[in-house]
Protein backbone atom coordinates (compact mmCIF):
# COMPACT_ATOMS: atom_id res chain seq x y z
CA MET A 1 0.09 0.12 -0.06
CA ILE A 2 1.29 3.56 -0.91
CA TYR A 3 0.13 6.55 1.01
CA LYS A 4 1.18 10.06 -0.27
CA ASN A 5 0.55 13.44 1.16
CA GLN A 6 -1.62 12.25 3.95
CA ILE A 7 -2.10 13.64 7.53
CA PHE A 8 -2.62 10.70 9.86
CA THR A 9 -4.38 11.09 13.20
CA THR A 10 -4.46 8.79 16.08
CA ASP A 11 -7.59 6.99 15.00
CA ASP A 12 -5.83 6.28 11.58
CA ILE A 13 -3.01 4.45 13.17
CA LYS A 14 -3.54 3.23 16.69
CA GLY A 15 -3.52 -0.32 17.29
CA LYS A 16 -3.22 -1.20 13.40
CA ASP A 17 -0.69 -3.32 11.44
CA PHE A 18 1.11 -1.84 8.75
CA ASN A 19 3.08 -4.26 6.36
CA ASN A 20 5.11 -3.59 3.22
CA CYS A 21 3.85 0.02 3.04
CA GLU A 22 5.48 3.16 1.59
CA PHE A 23 4.52 6.51 3.28
CA SER A 24 5.63 9.56 1.13
CA ASP A 25 5.47 13.11 2.36
CA CYS A 26 2.98 12.16 5.22
CA ARG A 27 2.49 14.02 8.45
CA PHE A 28 1.88 12.21 11.83
CA LEU A 29 2.47 15.08 14.28
CA SER A 30 1.59 14.26 17.80
CA THR A 31 -0.26 11.05 16.83
CA ASN A 32 -0.53 8.18 19.11
CA LEU A 33 0.94 5.18 17.63
CA ARG A 34 -0.28 2.72 20.63
CA PHE A 35 -0.15 -0.92 19.86
CA SER A 36 0.54 -0.04 16.17
CA SER A 37 3.03 -2.23 14.26
CA PHE A 38 5.19 -1.25 11.04
CA ALA A 39 7.05 -4.06 9.17
CA ASN A 40 8.99 -3.55 6.11
CA CYS A 41 7.82 0.14 5.68
CA LYS A 42 9.39 2.92 4.01
CA PHE A 43 8.76 6.47 5.41
CA GLN A 44 10.12 8.94 2.77
CA THR A 45 10.23 12.68 3.54
CA CYS A 46 7.50 12.22 6.36
CA ASP A 47 7.10 14.08 9.57
CA LEU A 48 6.80 11.89 12.83
CA SER A 49 8.21 14.56 15.21
CA THR A 50 6.63 14.35 18.64
CA VAL A 51 4.54 11.23 17.92
CA ILE A 52 3.85 9.11 20.93
CA LEU A 53 5.44 5.58 20.88
CA ASP A 54 3.56 3.50 23.22
CA LEU A 55 4.00 -0.15 22.71
CA THR A 56 4.95 0.58 18.85
CA SER A 57 6.77 -1.80 16.82
CA PHE A 58 9.05 -1.08 13.89
CA SER A 59 10.82 -3.83 11.86
CA LYS A 60 12.85 -3.55 8.94
CA CYS A 61 11.65 0.03 8.36
CA SER A 62 13.66 2.92 6.86
CA PHE A 63 13.06 6.66 7.24
CA PRO A 64 14.91 8.47 4.61
CA GLU A 65 14.88 12.26 4.93
CA SER A 66 12.10 12.13 7.42
CA LYS A 67 11.84 14.10 10.71
CA LEU A 68 11.87 11.91 14.01
CA SER A 69 12.68 14.71 16.42
CA ASN A 70 11.77 14.79 20.04
CA LEU A 71 10.82 11.01 20.21
CA ASP A 72 11.09 8.85 23.49
CA PHE A 73 11.86 5.33 21.93
CA SER A 74 11.54 3.76 25.57
CA GLU A 75 8.21 2.15 24.67
CA ALA A 76 8.93 1.00 21.10
CA LYS A 77 10.46 -2.05 19.83
CA LEU A 78 13.02 -1.50 17.06
CA LYS A 79 14.45 -4.40 14.81
CA GLU A 80 16.76 -3.71 11.96
CA CYS A 81 15.61 -0.17 11.24
CA ASN A 82 17.57 2.31 8.77
CA PHE A 83 17.61 5.93 10.10
CA SER A 84 20.03 6.97 7.52
CA LYS A 85 19.44 10.66 6.28
CA SER A 86 16.76 11.27 8.88
CA VAL A 87 16.25 14.19 11.20
CA MET A 88 16.29 12.97 14.93
CA LYS A 89 17.11 15.76 17.27
CA ASN A 90 16.72 15.66 20.93
CA CYS A 91 15.38 12.09 20.87
CA VAL A 92 15.86 9.49 23.63
CA PHE A 93 16.83 5.87 23.14
CA GLN A 94 16.21 3.95 26.23
CA GLN A 95 14.57 0.84 27.45
CA PHE A 96 13.25 -0.28 30.95
CA LYS A 97 12.76 -3.70 32.29
CA THR A 98 9.12 -4.87 32.41
CA GLY A 99 7.06 -3.17 35.16
CA SER A 100 9.99 -0.50 35.91
CA LYS A 101 10.28 3.32 35.05
CA THR A 102 13.67 3.64 36.45
CA GLU A 103 15.52 0.15 35.93
CA GLN A 104 17.12 0.15 32.57
CA ARG A 105 17.79 -2.75 30.33
CA LYS A 106 20.02 -3.01 27.20
CA PHE A 107 18.42 -1.26 24.22
CA ASP A 108 19.62 -3.69 21.31
CA LEU A 109 20.50 -1.34 18.41
CA LYS A 110 23.32 -3.66 16.96
CA LYS A 111 24.32 -2.77 13.33
CA ALA A 112 21.79 0.22 13.31
CA SER A 113 22.38 2.83 10.50
CA PHE A 114 22.36 6.44 11.38
CA LEU A 115 24.41 7.49 8.18
CA LYS A 116 24.07 11.28 7.53
CA ALA A 117 21.47 11.60 10.28
CA ASP A 118 20.92 14.50 12.33
CA LEU A 119 21.15 13.35 16.07
CA ALA A 120 22.00 16.60 17.74
CA GLY A 121 21.13 16.59 21.38
CA THR A 122 20.05 12.91 21.21
CA ILE A 123 20.47 10.58 24.33
CA PHE A 124 21.38 7.01 23.96
CA SER A 125 21.39 5.48 27.35
CA SER A 126 22.35 1.73 28.02
CA CYS A 127 22.37 0.90 24.17
CA GLU A 128 23.85 -1.88 22.34
CA LEU A 129 25.49 -0.12 19.53
CA LYS A 130 28.28 -2.49 18.46
CA GLU A 131 28.97 -2.03 14.57
CA ALA A 132 26.44 0.86 14.45
CA ASN A 133 27.12 3.17 11.50
CA PHE A 134 27.17 7.00 12.35
CA GLN A 135 29.34 7.88 9.47
CA ASN A 136 28.95 11.68 8.44
CA SER A 137 26.05 12.09 10.95
CA VAL A 138 25.52 15.17 13.23
CA LEU A 139 26.08 14.24 16.82
CA GLU A 140 26.62 17.70 18.53
CA SER A 141 25.98 17.50 22.14
CA ALA A 142 24.53 14.07 22.08
CA VAL A 143 25.19 11.63 25.11
CA PHE A 144 26.11 7.96 24.99
CA ASP A 145 25.60 6.77 28.68
CA ARG A 146 26.54 3.17 29.22
CA CYS A 147 26.39 2.27 25.72
CA ASN A 148 28.67 -0.38 23.84
CA LEU A 149 30.21 1.30 20.80
CA ILE A 150 32.64 -1.58 19.95
CA ASP A 151 33.44 -1.27 16.06
CA ALA A 152 30.85 1.47 15.56
CA ASN A 153 31.68 3.93 12.76
CA PHE A 154 31.79 7.56 13.52
CA VAL A 155 33.96 8.57 10.34
CA GLY A 156 33.09 12.28 9.15
CA ALA A 157 30.65 12.53 12.34
CA ASP A 158 30.26 15.81 13.98
CA ILE A 159 30.93 14.72 17.49
CA SER A 160 31.63 18.28 19.13
CA GLY A 161 30.19 18.25 22.53
CA VAL A 162 29.55 14.51 22.62
CA ASN A 163 29.69 12.71 25.86
CA PHE A 164 31.14 9.13 25.61
CA ASN A 165 32.62 9.03 29.36
CA THR A 166 30.45 6.15 30.57
CA SER A 167 30.51 3.87 27.24
CA LYS A 168 32.78 1.28 25.93
CA VAL A 169 34.87 2.47 23.14
CA GLU A 170 36.97 -0.19 21.40
CA ARG A 171 37.91 -0.34 17.60
CA THR A 172 35.73 2.45 17.36
CA LEU A 173 36.30 4.39 13.99
CA LEU A 174 37.24 8.08 13.76
CA ASP A 175 38.60 10.37 11.25
CA VAL A 176 41.41 12.71 12.51
CA GLU A 177 39.13 15.62 13.13
CA GLY A 178 36.94 13.26 15.50
CA PHE A 179 40.10 11.95 16.89
CA ILE A 180 40.95 15.37 18.02
CA LEU A 181 37.56 16.26 19.36
CA PHE A 182 37.23 13.05 21.12
CA GLY A 183 40.94 13.64 22.80
CA ASN A 184 39.77 17.45 23.69
CA SER A 185 36.59 15.95 25.46
CA LYS A 186 38.94 13.84 27.60
CA GLY A 187 41.01 16.85 28.37
CA PHE A 188 44.05 16.35 25.96
CA VAL A 189 45.45 19.25 24.11
CA LEU A 190 47.01 18.89 20.72
CA GLU A 191 50.57 20.53 20.74
CA GLN A 192 52.16 21.87 17.58
CA MET A 193 55.77 20.57 17.43
CA GLN A 194 58.40 23.36 16.86
CA ARG A 195 61.21 22.93 14.28
């Protein structure tokens, strides 16, 4: 099913299953997606900013050039989603143990793609981000709290002001500029050698 230039309300979406659908230039502003599921769906240049993700499921979905800012993913289930080229400013990626609103569990975002995404101000808390792709993304002032970033790719990403302090960083790829920014965030200063 293909949806173009539609404005969706809570009644249009809530509790429904969408499989192999394409949404193009659609708006979901402040819509409650409670009990909704999306499988193999593509959201092209859509606006999902401020939607309410309440027991919402996304499986193998992509969001090219879509707006997903100010979202809380704590009540969402994500599986093999591609967030490349999306705008996801000030989002929160975290999950809680069943029945708890304070005790976190690992949020599995292994191998997730955020290629060329705008993630400024986004918080990743207790996320499994092994082999995640953040190439050429904007991560200005983002926070990675207790995340696994082993083998993640940050080449070409803007990591100015990013907090990696409590995360596991091993074999994590950075370009020279990113390496300098990372070093500066740890208190290192690059000294010019005098000849």
